[in-house]
C-alpha cells in the first residue's frame, strides 16, 4: 500500500514537472509567434510601399514619354533646363 502511494506521488511529481516544461515551451512559442507576426506585418507594409513606388515610377515614365512624343510631334525646341532636370532626377 505504501509502495502504491509512493508511485502515485512520483507520477504526480513527474506530471507536474512535465506540465511546467510544456507551459514554458508554449510561452516561448507564443513569443516567437508574436515576433513572426510583427515581421510579416512589416514585410507586408514594405511590399505595399514598394508597389506604390513602382506604380508612381511607371506613371512618371509614361508622362515623360508622352511629353517627349508631344514635343517631337509639335517640333518644339527642348526646354533649356532639360539637361539639368535629368541630373536632378538621378
PDB file of N, CA and C in Angstrom:
ATOM      1  N   UNK A   1       0.822  -1.194   0.000  1.00  0.00           N
ATOM      2  CA  UNK A   1       0.000   0.000   0.000  1.00  0.00           C
ATOM      3  C   UNK A   1       0.874   1.269   0.000  1.00  0.00           C
ATOM      4  N   UNK A   2       1.897   1.275   0.825  1.00  0.00           N
ATOM      5  CA  UNK A   2       2.795   2.419   0.885  1.00  0.00           C
ATOM      6  C   UNK A   2       3.540   2.588  -0.440  1.00  0.00           C
ATOM      7  N   UNK A   3       3.883   1.455  -1.047  1.00  0.00           N
ATOM      8  CA  UNK A   3       4.566   1.494  -2.333  1.00  0.00           C
ATOM      9  C   UNK A   3       3.667   2.106  -3.398  1.00  0.00           C
ATOM     10  N   UNK A   4       2.396   1.791  -3.395  1.00  0.00           N
ATOM     11  CA  UNK A   4       1.441   2.345  -4.368  1.00  0.00           C
ATOM     12  C   UNK A   4       1.282   3.860  -4.166  1.00  0.00           C
ATOM     13  N   UNK A   5       1.232   4.306  -2.918  1.00  0.00           N
ATOM     14  CA  UNK A   5       1.133   5.728  -2.641  1.00  0.00           C
ATOM     15  C   UNK A   5       2.382   6.462  -3.141  1.00  0.00           C
ATOM     16  N   UNK A   6       3.535   5.842  -2.915  1.00  0.00           N
ATOM     17  CA  UNK A   6       4.785   6.438  -3.383  1.00  0.00           C
ATOM     18  C   UNK A   6       4.791   6.540  -4.910  1.00  0.00           C
ATOM     19  N   UNK A   7       4.351   5.504  -5.593  1.00  0.00           N
ATOM     20  CA  UNK A   7       4.309   5.518  -7.060  1.00  0.00           C
ATOM     21  C   UNK A   7       3.335   6.584  -7.573  1.00  0.00           C
ATOM     22  N   UNK A   8       2.190   6.699  -6.899  1.00  0.00           N
ATOM     23  CA  UNK A   8       1.219   7.724  -7.292  1.00  0.00           C
ATOM     24  C   UNK A   8       1.823   9.112  -7.090  1.00  0.00           C
ATOM     25  N   UNK A   9       2.470   9.316  -5.934  1.00  0.00           N
ATOM     26  CA  UNK A   9       3.108  10.596  -5.655  1.00  0.00           C
ATOM     27  C   UNK A   9       4.199  10.886  -6.688  1.00  0.00           C
ATOM     28  N   UNK A  10       5.013   9.879  -7.020  1.00  0.00           N
ATOM     29  CA  UNK A  10       6.078  10.047  -8.005  1.00  0.00           C
ATOM     30  C   UNK A  10       5.483  10.394  -9.374  1.00  0.00           C
ATOM     31  N   UNK A  11       4.384   9.765  -9.736  1.00  0.00           N
ATOM     32  CA  UNK A  11       3.703  10.068 -11.005  1.00  0.00           C
ATOM     33  C   UNK A  11       3.185  11.510 -11.022  1.00  0.00           C
ATOM     34  N   UNK A  12       2.636  11.933  -9.881  1.00  0.00           N
ATOM     35  CA  UNK A  12       2.119  13.301  -9.794  1.00  0.00           C
ATOM     36  C   UNK A  12       3.254  14.308  -9.948  1.00  0.00           C
ATOM     37  N   UNK A  13       4.372  14.070  -9.262  1.00  0.00           N
ATOM     38  CA  UNK A  13       5.527  14.959  -9.364  1.00  0.00           C
ATOM     39  C   UNK A  13       6.042  14.984 -10.800  1.00  0.00           C
ATOM     40  N   UNK A  14       6.128  13.819 -11.413  1.00  0.00           N
ATOM     41  CA  UNK A  14       6.596  13.730 -12.802  1.00  0.00           C
ATOM     42  C   UNK A  14       5.663  14.506 -13.745  1.00  0.00           C
ATOM     43  N   UNK A  15       4.352  14.350 -13.536  1.00  0.00           N
ATOM     44  CA  UNK A  15       3.383  15.055 -14.376  1.00  0.00           C
ATOM     45  C   UNK A  15       3.460  16.570 -14.169  1.00  0.00           C
ATOM     46  N   UNK A  16       3.675  17.002 -12.921  1.00  0.00           N
ATOM     47  CA  UNK A  16       3.797  18.432 -12.647  1.00  0.00           C
ATOM     48  C   UNK A  16       5.040  19.016 -13.318  1.00  0.00           C
ATOM     49  N   UNK A  17       6.153  18.296 -13.290  1.00  0.00           N
ATOM     50  CA  UNK A  17       7.374  18.752 -13.959  1.00  0.00           C
ATOM     51  C   UNK A  17       7.155  18.848 -15.466  1.00  0.00           C
ATOM     52  N   UNK A  18       6.500  17.823 -15.995  1.00  0.00           N
ATOM     53  CA  UNK A  18       6.228  17.816 -17.436  1.00  0.00           C
ATOM     54  C   UNK A  18       5.312  18.981 -17.820  1.00  0.00           C
ATOM     55  N   UNK A  19       4.292  19.221 -16.992  1.00  0.00           N
ATOM     56  CA  UNK A  19       3.381  20.326 -17.246  1.00  0.00           C
ATOM     57  C   UNK A  19       4.136  21.656 -17.220  1.00  0.00           C
ATOM     58  N   UNK A  20       5.038  21.822 -16.287  1.00  0.00           N
ATOM     59  CA  UNK A  20       5.830  23.047 -16.193  1.00  0.00           C
ATOM     60  C   UNK A  20       6.685  23.236 -17.445  1.00  0.00           C
ATOM     61  N   UNK A  21       7.347  22.162 -17.901  1.00  0.00           N
ATOM     62  CA  UNK A  21       8.156  22.245 -19.121  1.00  0.00           C
ATOM     63  C   UNK A  21       7.293  22.615 -20.325  1.00  0.00           C
ATOM     64  N   UNK A  22       6.127  21.984 -20.420  1.00  0.00           N
ATOM     65  CA  UNK A  22       5.245  22.258 -21.556  1.00  0.00           C
ATOM     66  C   UNK A  22       4.718  23.692 -21.523  1.00  0.00           C
ATOM     67  N   UNK A  23       4.414  24.200 -20.330  1.00  0.00           N
ATOM     68  CA  UNK A  23       3.958  25.583 -20.220  1.00  0.00           C
ATOM     69  C   UNK A  23       5.051  26.551 -20.669  1.00  0.00           C
ATOM     70  N   UNK A  24       6.290  26.271 -20.329  1.00  0.00           N
ATOM     71  CA  UNK A  24       7.403  27.120 -20.760  1.00  0.00           C
ATOM     72  C   UNK A  24       7.564  27.068 -22.276  1.00  0.00           C
ATOM     73  N   UNK A  25       7.408  25.880 -22.837  1.00  0.00           N
ATOM     74  CA  UNK A  25       7.509  25.728 -24.290  1.00  0.00           C
ATOM     75  C   UNK A  25       6.393  26.511 -24.979  1.00  0.00           C
ATOM     76  N   UNK A  26       5.190  26.412 -24.457  1.00  0.00           N
ATOM     77  CA  UNK A  26       4.050  27.128 -25.042  1.00  0.00           C
ATOM     78  C   UNK A  26       4.270  28.636 -24.954  1.00  0.00           C
ATOM     79  N   UNK A  27       4.782  29.103 -23.820  1.00  0.00           N
ATOM     80  CA  UNK A  27       5.051  30.530 -23.655  1.00  0.00           C
ATOM     81  C   UNK A  27       6.107  31.003 -24.660  1.00  0.00           C
ATOM     82  N   UNK A  28       7.170  30.216 -24.816  1.00  0.00           N
ATOM     83  CA  UNK A  28       8.222  30.577 -25.764  1.00  0.00           C
ATOM     84  C   UNK A  28       7.683  30.604 -27.193  1.00  0.00           C
ATOM     85  N   UNK A  29       6.882  29.622 -27.547  1.00  0.00           N
ATOM     86  CA  UNK A  29       6.324  29.586 -28.899  1.00  0.00           C
ATOM     87  C   UNK A  29       5.351  30.737 -29.128  1.00  0.00           C
ATOM     88  N   UNK A  30       4.634  31.135 -28.086  1.00  0.00           N
ATOM     89  CA  UNK A  30       3.747  32.294 -28.202  1.00  0.00           C
ATOM     90  C   UNK A  30       4.533  33.558 -28.501  1.00  0.00           C
ATOM     91  N   UNK A  31       5.672  33.724 -27.827  1.00  0.00           N
ATOM     92  CA  UNK A  31       6.526  34.886 -28.078  1.00  0.00           C
ATOM     93  C   UNK A  31       7.083  34.845 -29.495  1.00  0.00           C
ATOM     94  N   UNK A  32       7.497  33.668 -29.937  1.00  0.00           N
ATOM     95  CA  UNK A  32       8.016  33.534 -31.300  1.00  0.00           C
ATOM     96  C   UNK A  32       6.935  33.838 -32.327  1.00  0.00           C
ATOM     97  N   UNK A  33       5.710  33.407 -32.036  1.00  0.00           N
ATOM     98  CA  UNK A  33       4.600  33.676 -32.953  1.00  0.00           C
ATOM     99  C   UNK A  33       4.327  35.180 -33.048  1.00  0.00           C
ATOM    100  N   UNK A  34       4.378  35.877 -31.910  1.00  0.00           N
ATOM    101  CA  UNK A  34       4.187  37.330 -31.923  1.00  0.00           C
ATOM    102  C   UNK A  34       5.283  38.000 -32.751  1.00  0.00           C
ATOM    103  N   UNK A  35       6.516  37.552 -32.570  1.00  0.00           N
ATOM    104  CA  UNK A  35       7.629  38.129 -33.319  1.00  0.00           C
ATOM    105  C   UNK A  35       7.462  37.882 -34.821  1.00  0.00           C
ATOM    106  N   UNK A  36       7.085  36.671 -35.180  1.00  0.00           N
ATOM    107  CA  UNK A  36       6.866  36.359 -36.598  1.00  0.00           C
ATOM    108  C   UNK A  36       5.717  37.188 -37.163  1.00  0.00           C
ATOM    109  N   UNK A  37       4.683  37.389 -36.388  1.00  0.00           N
ATOM    110  CA  UNK A  37       3.556  38.205 -36.847  1.00  0.00           C
ATOM    111  C   UNK A  37       4.002  39.636 -37.124  1.00  0.00           C
ATOM    112  N   UNK A  38       4.826  40.188 -36.231  1.00  0.00           N
ATOM    113  CA  UNK A  38       5.340  41.546 -36.455  1.00  0.00           C
ATOM    114  C   UNK A  38       6.197  41.599 -37.717  1.00  0.00           C
ATOM    115  N   UNK A  39       6.996  40.565 -37.933  1.00  0.00           N
ATOM    116  CA  UNK A  39       7.847  40.531 -39.129  1.00  0.00           C
ATOM    117  C   UNK A  39       6.997  40.458 -40.392  1.00  0.00           C
ATOM    118  N   UNK A  40       5.951  39.647 -40.366  1.00  0.00           N
ATOM    119  CA  UNK A  40       5.069  39.525 -41.528  1.00  0.00           C
ATOM    120  C   UNK A  40       4.376  40.859 -41.801  1.00  0.00           C
ATOM    121  N   UNK A  41       3.898  41.513 -40.739  1.00  0.00           N
ATOM    122  CA  UNK A  41       3.260  42.815 -40.917  1.00  0.00           C
ATOM    123  C   UNK A  41       4.234  43.815 -41.541  1.00  0.00           C
ATOM    124  N   UNK A  42       5.478  43.799 -41.089  1.00  0.00           N
ATOM    125  CA  UNK A  42       6.491  44.712 -41.627  1.00  0.00           C
ATOM    126  C   UNK A  42       6.762  44.410 -43.111  1.00  0.00           C
ATOM    127  N   UNK A  43       6.852  43.130 -43.449  1.00  0.00           N
ATOM    128  CA  UNK A  43       7.074  42.750 -44.848  1.00  0.00           C
ATOM    129  C   UNK A  43       5.906  43.174 -45.735  1.00  0.00           C
ATOM    130  N   UNK A  44       4.696  43.007 -45.221  1.00  0.00           N
ATOM    131  CA  UNK A  44       3.516  43.428 -45.989  1.00  0.00           C
ATOM    132  C   UNK A  44       3.560  44.927 -46.216  1.00  0.00           C
ATOM    133  N   UNK A  45       3.896  45.674 -45.168  1.00  0.00           N
ATOM    134  CA  UNK A  45       3.984  47.131 -45.281  1.00  0.00           C
ATOM    135  C   UNK A  45       5.029  47.526 -46.318  1.00  0.00           C
ATOM    136  N   UNK A  46       6.202  46.913 -46.244  1.00  0.00           N
ATOM    137  CA  UNK A  46       7.274  47.237 -47.190  1.00  0.00           C
ATOM    138  C   UNK A  46       6.888  46.865 -48.614  1.00  0.00           C
ATOM    139  N   UNK A  47       6.206  45.745 -48.783  1.00  0.00           N
ATOM    140  CA  UNK A  47       5.779  45.327 -50.120  1.00  0.00           C
ATOM    141  C   UNK A  47       4.772  46.316 -50.680  1.00  0.00           C
ATOM    142  N   UNK A  48       3.854  46.786 -49.844  1.00  0.00           N
ATOM    143  CA  UNK A  48       2.869  47.769 -50.311  1.00  0.00           C
ATOM    144  C   UNK A  48       3.547  49.073 -50.719  1.00  0.00           C
ATOM    145  N   UNK A  49       4.491  49.519 -49.923  1.00  0.00           N
ATOM    146  CA  UNK A  49       5.203  50.762 -50.257  1.00  0.00           C
ATOM    147  C   UNK A  49       5.986  50.584 -51.557  1.00  0.00           C
ATOM    148  N   UNK A  50       6.613  49.429 -51.733  1.00  0.00           N
ATOM    149  CA  UNK A  50       7.368  49.174 -52.964  1.00  0.00           C
ATOM    150  C   UNK A  50       6.434  49.184 -54.175  1.00  0.00           C
ATOM    151  N   UNK A  51       5.259  48.592 -54.025  1.00  0.00           N
ATOM    152  CA  UNK A  51       4.296  48.576 -55.128  1.00  0.00           C
ATOM    153  C   UNK A  51       3.843  49.993 -55.456  1.00  0.00           C
ATOM    154  N   UNK A  52       3.632  50.812 -54.422  1.00  0.00           N
ATOM    155  CA  UNK A  52       3.231  52.200 -54.659  1.00  0.00           C
ATOM    156  C   UNK A  52       4.335  52.983 -55.364  1.00  0.00           C
ATOM    157  N   UNK A  53       5.584  52.772 -54.924  1.00  0.00           N
ATOM    158  CA  UNK A  53       6.707  53.464 -55.569  1.00  0.00           C
ATOM    159  C   UNK A  53       6.826  53.048 -57.031  1.00  0.00           C
ATOM    160  N   UNK A  54       6.683  51.756 -57.291  1.00  0.00           N
ATOM    161  CA  UNK A  54       6.788  51.278 -58.669  1.00  0.00           C
ATOM    162  C   UNK A  54       5.676  51.848 -59.539  1.00  0.00           C
ATOM    163  N   UNK A  55       4.468  51.921 -59.002  1.00  0.00           N
ATOM    164  CA  UNK A  55       3.350  52.494 -59.764  1.00  0.00           C
ATOM    165  C   UNK A  55       3.616  53.964 -60.057  1.00  0.00           C
ATOM    166  N   UNK A  56       4.142  54.678 -59.076  1.00  0.00           N
ATOM    167  CA  UNK A  56       4.475  56.089 -59.274  1.00  0.00           C
ATOM    168  C   UNK A  56       5.545  56.249 -60.348  1.00  0.00           C
ATOM    169  N   UNK A  57       6.577  55.417 -60.285  1.00  0.00           N
ATOM    170  CA  UNK A  57       7.656  55.497 -61.266  1.00  0.00           C
ATOM    171  C   UNK A  57       7.155  55.170 -62.666  1.00  0.00           C
ATOM    172  N   UNK A  58       6.267  54.178 -62.796  1.00  0.00           N
ATOM    173  CA  UNK A  58       5.696  53.855 -64.109  1.00  0.00           C
ATOM    174  C   UNK A  58       4.893  55.030 -64.651  1.00  0.00           C
ATOM    175  N   UNK A  59       4.108  55.649 -63.778  1.00  0.00           N
ATOM    176  CA  UNK A  59       3.313  56.798 -64.201  1.00  0.00           C
ATOM    177  C   UNK A  59       4.220  57.940 -64.645  1.00  0.00           C
ATOM    178  N   UNK A  60       5.277  58.162 -63.880  1.00  0.00           N
ATOM    179  CA  UNK A  60       6.224  59.220 -64.232  1.00  0.00           C
ATOM    180  C   UNK A  60       6.885  58.941 -65.581  1.00  0.00           C
ATOM    181  N   UNK A  61       7.284  57.708 -65.804  1.00  0.00           N
ATOM    182  CA  UNK A  61       7.904  57.360 -67.096  1.00  0.00           C
ATOM    183  C   UNK A  61       6.934  57.551 -68.257  1.00  0.00           C
ATOM    184  N   UNK A  62       5.684  57.146 -68.039  1.00  0.00           N
ATOM    185  CA  UNK A  62       4.689  57.340 -69.102  1.00  0.00           C
ATOM    186  C   UNK A  62       4.483  58.821 -69.393  1.00  0.00           C
ATOM    187  N   UNK A  63       4.453  59.638 -68.365  1.00  0.00           N
ATOM    188  CA  UNK A  63       4.299  61.077 -68.578  1.00  0.00           C
ATOM    189  C   UNK A  63       5.510  61.660 -69.300  1.00  0.00           C
ATOM    190  N   UNK A  64       6.689  61.203 -68.954  1.00  0.00           N
ATOM    191  CA  UNK A  64       7.893  61.681 -69.643  1.00  0.00           C
ATOM    192  C   UNK A  64       7.872  61.266 -71.113  1.00  0.00           C
ATOM    193  N   UNK A  65       7.458  60.018 -71.359  1.00  0.00           N
ATOM    194  CA  UNK A  65       7.378  59.562 -72.751  1.00  0.00           C
ATOM    195  C   UNK A  65       6.339  60.376 -73.519  1.00  0.00           C
ATOM    196  N   UNK A  66       5.202  60.614 -72.901  1.00  0.00           N
ATOM    197  CA  UNK A  66       4.152  61.403 -73.554  1.00  0.00           C
ATOM    198  C   UNK A  66       4.652  62.816 -73.832  1.00  0.00           C
ATOM    199  N   UNK A  67       5.353  63.389 -72.888  1.00  0.00           N
ATOM    200  CA  UNK A  67       5.899  64.733 -73.048  1.00  0.00           C
ATOM    201  C   UNK A  67       6.875  64.769 -74.220  1.00  0.00           C
ATOM    202  N   UNK A  68       7.758  63.786 -74.306  1.00  0.00           N
ATOM    203  CA  UNK A  68       8.728  63.745 -75.409  1.00  0.00           C
ATOM    204  C   UNK A  68       8.031  63.564 -76.755  1.00  0.00           C
ATOM    205  N   UNK A  69       7.023  62.689 -76.777  1.00  0.00           N
ATOM    206  CA  UNK A  69       6.287  62.483 -78.027  1.00  0.00           C
ATOM    207  C   UNK A  69       5.565  63.754 -78.455  1.00  0.00           C
ATOM    208  N   UNK A  70       4.975  64.461 -77.508  1.00  0.00           N
ATOM    209  CA  UNK A  70       4.291  65.709 -77.852  1.00  0.00           C
ATOM    210  C   UNK A  70       5.275  66.756 -78.367  1.00  0.00           C
ATOM    211  N   UNK A  71       6.433  66.842 -77.715  1.00  0.00           N
ATOM    212  CA  UNK A  71       7.447  67.800 -78.180  1.00  0.00           C
ATOM    213  C   UNK A  71       7.894  67.454 -79.593  1.00  0.00           C
ATOM    214  N   UNK A  72       8.079  66.168 -79.833  1.00  0.00           N
ATOM    215  CA  UNK A  72       8.522  65.726 -81.154  1.00  0.00           C
ATOM    216  C   UNK A  72       7.447  65.993 -82.202  1.00  0.00           C
ATOM    217  N   UNK A  73       6.204  65.721 -81.844  1.00  0.00           N
ATOM    218  CA  UNK A  73       5.100  65.906 -82.782  1.00  0.00           C
ATOM    219  C   UNK A  73       4.921  67.386 -83.103  1.00  0.00           C
ATOM    220  N   UNK A  74       5.028  68.217 -82.086  1.00  0.00           N
ATOM    221  CA  UNK A  74       4.852  69.644 -82.287  1.00  0.00           C
ATOM    222  C   UNK A  74       6.149  70.315 -82.709  1.00  0.00           C
ATOM    223  N   UNK A  75       7.207  69.554 -82.717  1.00  0.00           N
ATOM    224  CA  UNK A  75       8.541  70.036 -83.064  1.00  0.00           C
ATOM    225  C   UNK A  75       8.915  71.262 -82.240  1.00  0.00           C
ATOM    226  N   UNK A  76       8.669  71.123 -80.965  1.00  0.00           N
ATOM    227  CA  UNK A  76       9.050  72.188 -80.044  1.00  0.00           C
ATOM    228  C   UNK A  76      10.523  72.045 -79.709  1.00  0.00           C
ATOM    229  N   UNK A  77      11.184  73.152 -79.524  1.00  0.00           N
ATOM    230  CA  UNK A  77      12.587  73.047 -79.099  1.00  0.00           C
ATOM    231  C   UNK A  77      12.628  72.506 -77.664  1.00  0.00           C
ATOM    232  N   UNK A  78      13.673  71.784 -77.334  1.00  0.00           N
ATOM    233  CA  UNK A  78      13.753  71.257 -75.964  1.00  0.00           C
ATOM    234  C   UNK A  78      13.834  72.394 -74.963  1.00  0.00           C
ATOM    235  N   UNK A  79      13.286  72.154 -73.831  1.00  0.00           N
ATOM    236  CA  UNK A  79      13.302  73.143 -72.759  1.00  0.00           C
ATOM    237  C   UNK A  79      14.744  73.386 -72.344  1.00  0.00           C
ATOM    238  N   UNK A  80      15.142  74.612 -72.131  1.00  0.00           N
ATOM    239  CA  UNK A  80      16.555  74.887 -71.831  1.00  0.00           C
ATOM    240  C   UNK A  80      17.033  74.230 -70.523  1.00  0.00           C
ATOM    241  N   UNK A  81      16.145  73.878 -69.646  1.00  0.00           N
ATOM    242  CA  UNK A  81      16.548  73.263 -68.368  1.00  0.00           C
ATOM    243  C   UNK A  81      16.436  71.746 -68.413  1.00  0.00           C
ATOM    244  N   UNK A  82      16.160  71.138 -69.558  1.00  0.00           N
ATOM    245  CA  UNK A  82      16.014  69.685 -69.650  1.00  0.00           C
ATOM    246  C   UNK A  82      17.249  68.962 -69.147  1.00  0.00           C
ATOM    247  N   UNK A  83      18.444  69.443 -69.511  1.00  0.00           N
ATOM    248  CA  UNK A  83      19.678  68.773 -69.090  1.00  0.00           C
ATOM    249  C   UNK A  83      19.809  68.786 -67.581  1.00  0.00           C
ATOM    250  N   UNK A  84      19.504  69.882 -66.965  1.00  0.00           N
ATOM    251  CA  UNK A  84      19.600  69.978 -65.516  1.00  0.00           C
ATOM    252  C   UNK A  84      18.557  69.126 -64.818  1.00  0.00           C
ATOM    253  N   UNK A  85      17.360  69.025 -65.415  1.00  0.00           N
ATOM    254  CA  UNK A  85      16.314  68.226 -64.801  1.00  0.00           C
ATOM    255  C   UNK A  85      16.670  66.762 -64.759  1.00  0.00           C
ATOM    256  N   UNK A  86      17.311  66.273 -65.817  1.00  0.00           N
ATOM    257  CA  UNK A  86      17.697  64.859 -65.838  1.00  0.00           C
ATOM    258  C   UNK A  86      18.725  64.556 -64.770  1.00  0.00           C
ATOM    259  N   UNK A  87      19.611  65.482 -64.518  1.00  0.00           N
ATOM    260  CA  UNK A  87      20.617  65.256 -63.475  1.00  0.00           C
ATOM    261  C   UNK A  87      19.975  65.287 -62.095  1.00  0.00           C
ATOM    262  N   UNK A  88      18.977  66.132 -61.901  1.00  0.00           N
ATOM    263  CA  UNK A  88      18.307  66.208 -60.620  1.00  0.00           C
ATOM    264  C   UNK A  88      17.480  64.972 -60.321  1.00  0.00           C
ATOM    265  N   UNK A  89      16.978  64.310 -61.346  1.00  0.00           N
ATOM    266  CA  UNK A  89      16.160  63.105 -61.153  1.00  0.00           C
ATOM    267  C   UNK A  89      16.979  61.911 -60.730  1.00  0.00           C
ATOM    268  N   UNK A  90      18.241  61.887 -61.077  1.00  0.00           N
ATOM    269  CA  UNK A  90      19.087  60.727 -60.777  1.00  0.00           C
ATOM    270  C   UNK A  90      19.508  60.740 -59.381  1.00  0.00           C
TER     271      UNK A  90
END
